[in-house]
């Protein structure tokens, strides 16, 4: 693996930003986006596990807001991606 590999949190936030779903992006949609667009950095077998941990960490840190089963970026999360 290269040293410039993005974190799972960054990949999840990138997916939420690029999916542009009004009510938030589902875990399945985020997983599909990450698998399709960051395939060189992820292992499909462990993607669900690490992506779930990254989403939970993003919610705890205040970068991602969870609404039922959907995830949206907060203002802090949007600033971090710029």
Protein backbone atom coordinates (compact mmCIF):
# COMPACT_ATOMS: atom_id res chain seq x y z
CA UNK A 1 0.00 0.00 0.00
CA UNK A 2 1.13 3.52 -0.65
CA UNK A 3 1.74 6.08 2.05
CA UNK A 4 -0.81 8.46 0.49
CA UNK A 5 -3.76 6.14 1.05
CA UNK A 6 -6.85 8.12 2.13
CA UNK A 7 -8.49 7.13 5.41
CA UNK A 8 -11.84 5.36 5.45
CA UNK A 9 -13.33 8.44 7.11
CA UNK A 10 -12.13 10.64 4.24
CA UNK A 11 -13.42 8.15 1.65
CA UNK A 12 -16.82 8.03 3.39
CA UNK A 13 -17.05 11.82 3.57
CA UNK A 14 -16.03 12.06 -0.10
CA UNK A 15 -18.79 9.59 -0.98
CA UNK A 16 -21.43 11.54 0.97
CA UNK A 17 -20.36 14.78 -0.72
CA UNK A 18 -20.37 13.34 -4.25
CA UNK A 19 -23.61 11.35 -3.92
CA UNK A 20 -25.46 14.63 -3.22
CA UNK A 21 -28.56 12.97 -1.80
CA UNK A 22 -30.89 15.54 -0.24
CA UNK A 23 -31.95 13.43 2.73
CA UNK A 24 -28.53 11.89 3.28
CA UNK A 25 -26.71 8.90 1.86
CA UNK A 26 -27.37 5.35 3.01
CA UNK A 27 -24.62 3.07 4.26
CA UNK A 28 -25.10 0.83 1.20
CA UNK A 29 -24.77 3.75 -1.24
CA UNK A 30 -21.62 4.98 0.54
CA UNK A 31 -20.14 1.48 0.43
CA UNK A 32 -20.88 1.12 -3.29
CA UNK A 33 -19.35 4.53 -4.07
CA UNK A 34 -16.18 3.79 -2.08
CA UNK A 35 -15.85 0.35 -3.65
CA UNK A 36 -16.28 1.76 -7.17
CA UNK A 37 -14.14 4.89 -6.84
CA UNK A 38 -11.44 3.91 -4.31
CA UNK A 39 -11.00 0.27 -5.31
CA UNK A 40 -7.20 0.48 -5.31
CA UNK A 41 -7.18 1.40 -1.60
CA UNK A 42 -9.80 -0.94 -0.12
CA UNK A 43 -10.25 -4.65 0.40
CA UNK A 44 -13.82 -5.63 -0.47
CA UNK A 45 -13.89 -8.27 2.25
CA UNK A 46 -13.25 -5.83 5.09
CA UNK A 47 -14.84 -2.71 3.60
CA UNK A 48 -18.12 -3.02 5.53
CA UNK A 49 -16.35 -3.33 8.88
CA UNK A 50 -13.95 -0.41 8.44
CA UNK A 51 -16.52 1.80 6.76
CA UNK A 52 -18.93 1.30 9.67
CA UNK A 53 -16.21 2.25 12.15
CA UNK A 54 -15.29 5.31 10.08
CA UNK A 55 -18.90 6.51 9.90
CA UNK A 56 -19.27 6.08 13.66
CA UNK A 57 -16.05 8.02 14.27
CA UNK A 58 -17.21 10.77 11.90
CA UNK A 59 -20.46 11.12 13.84
CA UNK A 60 -18.58 11.26 17.15
CA UNK A 61 -16.15 13.89 15.82
CA UNK A 62 -19.00 16.02 14.45
CA UNK A 63 -18.08 15.77 10.76
CA UNK A 64 -21.04 13.57 9.84
CA UNK A 65 -24.65 13.77 11.00
CA UNK A 66 -26.71 10.57 11.19
CA UNK A 67 -30.45 10.76 10.58
CA UNK A 68 -31.96 7.32 11.12
CA UNK A 69 -30.06 5.23 8.53
CA UNK A 70 -28.76 8.13 6.43
CA UNK A 71 -25.60 10.16 6.75
CA UNK A 72 -25.03 13.83 5.85
CA UNK A 73 -21.99 16.09 6.13
CA UNK A 74 -22.07 18.80 8.77
CA UNK A 75 -20.64 22.26 8.10
CA UNK A 76 -17.39 21.20 9.79
CA UNK A 77 -17.21 18.16 7.54
CA UNK A 78 -17.72 20.26 4.42
CA UNK A 79 -14.93 22.63 5.51
CA UNK A 80 -12.59 19.70 6.13
CA UNK A 81 -13.01 18.40 2.57
CA UNK A 82 -12.18 21.75 0.95
